[in-house]
């Protein structure tokens, strides 16, 4: 399975929703908490092309976007193929 990275914060309900979707699929992910490490804020903004909200989700080098984009991929049955090697 591909590497999943989620930039998130503790107080974000959309972060929880995104993580819940991955957990329901049995997908492991690396969570990078921007509220615990301010340097991650700049990293997230740079990697996402300027987005300043969380979550910011990456599958390997593919930039998914936020929670809405993640669920759109799931609804269109495009998430599972994206997660596979």
Protein backbone atom coordinates (compact mmCIF):
# COMPACT_ATOMS: atom_id res chain seq x y z
CA UNK A 1 0.00 0.00 0.00
CA UNK A 2 1.15 3.53 -0.70
CA UNK A 3 2.29 5.94 2.00
CA UNK A 4 -0.47 8.21 3.29
CA UNK A 5 0.42 11.47 5.05
CA UNK A 6 -2.12 13.73 6.74
CA UNK A 7 -1.26 17.19 8.00
CA UNK A 8 -3.77 17.78 10.77
CA UNK A 9 -4.56 19.49 14.05
CA UNK A 10 -6.23 18.22 17.19
CA UNK A 11 -9.22 20.58 17.04
CA UNK A 12 -10.17 19.80 13.43
CA UNK A 13 -13.34 17.71 12.89
CA UNK A 14 -12.50 17.28 9.19
CA UNK A 15 -9.15 15.76 10.17
CA UNK A 16 -10.98 13.24 12.35
CA UNK A 17 -13.37 12.43 9.51
CA UNK A 18 -10.51 11.88 7.05
CA UNK A 19 -8.61 9.68 9.51
CA UNK A 20 -11.77 7.69 10.22
CA UNK A 21 -12.17 6.90 6.52
CA UNK A 22 -8.62 5.59 6.28
CA UNK A 23 -9.05 3.59 9.50
CA UNK A 24 -12.31 2.05 8.22
CA UNK A 25 -10.35 0.83 5.19
CA UNK A 26 -7.49 -0.49 7.30
CA UNK A 27 -5.10 2.05 5.78
CA UNK A 28 -2.17 3.15 7.91
CA UNK A 29 -1.23 6.81 7.73
CA UNK A 30 1.36 9.17 9.10
CA UNK A 31 -0.23 12.07 10.95
CA UNK A 32 1.76 15.30 11.09
CA UNK A 33 0.22 17.62 13.67
CA UNK A 34 0.67 21.26 12.67
CA UNK A 35 -0.62 22.39 16.05
CA UNK A 36 2.30 20.64 17.78
CA UNK A 37 5.05 21.64 15.35
CA UNK A 38 4.80 25.10 13.76
CA UNK A 39 7.45 24.18 11.15
CA UNK A 40 4.95 21.73 9.70
CA UNK A 41 2.60 24.60 8.83
CA UNK A 42 5.07 26.01 6.33
CA UNK A 43 5.86 22.54 5.01
CA UNK A 44 2.17 21.78 4.49
CA UNK A 45 1.55 25.09 2.72
CA UNK A 46 4.54 24.55 0.43
CA UNK A 47 3.66 20.95 -0.43
CA UNK A 48 -0.03 21.71 -1.02
CA UNK A 49 0.59 24.66 -3.29
CA UNK A 50 -0.53 27.31 -0.84
CA UNK A 51 -3.43 25.71 1.03
CA UNK A 52 -3.58 26.88 4.64
CA UNK A 53 -6.30 24.63 6.04
CA UNK A 54 -6.14 21.13 7.52
CA UNK A 55 -6.32 18.36 6.74
CA UNK A 56 -3.94 18.27 3.81
CA UNK A 57 -3.71 14.71 2.51
CA UNK A 58 -1.04 13.09 0.36
CA UNK A 59 -0.90 9.56 -1.03
CA UNK A 60 2.74 9.04 -1.98
CA UNK A 61 3.46 12.06 -4.18
CA UNK A 62 -0.20 12.57 -5.14
CA UNK A 63 -1.81 15.58 -3.49
CA UNK A 64 -5.40 14.64 -2.59
CA UNK A 65 -6.40 17.92 -0.95
CA UNK A 66 -8.63 18.09 2.09
CA UNK A 67 -11.42 16.00 3.55
CA UNK A 68 -13.99 16.93 0.89
CA UNK A 69 -11.66 15.88 -1.90
CA UNK A 70 -10.85 12.63 -0.10
CA UNK A 71 -14.53 11.74 0.25
CA UNK A 72 -15.16 12.72 -3.38
CA UNK A 73 -12.51 10.19 -4.44
CA UNK A 74 -14.19 7.58 -2.25
CA UNK A 75 -17.63 8.33 -3.69
CA UNK A 76 -16.29 8.03 -7.24
CA UNK A 77 -14.60 4.69 -6.38
CA UNK A 78 -11.20 6.23 -7.15
CA UNK A 79 -9.67 6.11 -3.67
CA UNK A 80 -8.99 2.36 -3.41
CA UNK A 81 -7.12 2.17 -6.74
CA UNK A 82 -5.10 5.22 -5.71
CA UNK A 83 -4.07 3.50 -2.47
CA UNK A 84 -2.85 0.29 -4.10
CA UNK A 85 0.74 -0.23 -5.20
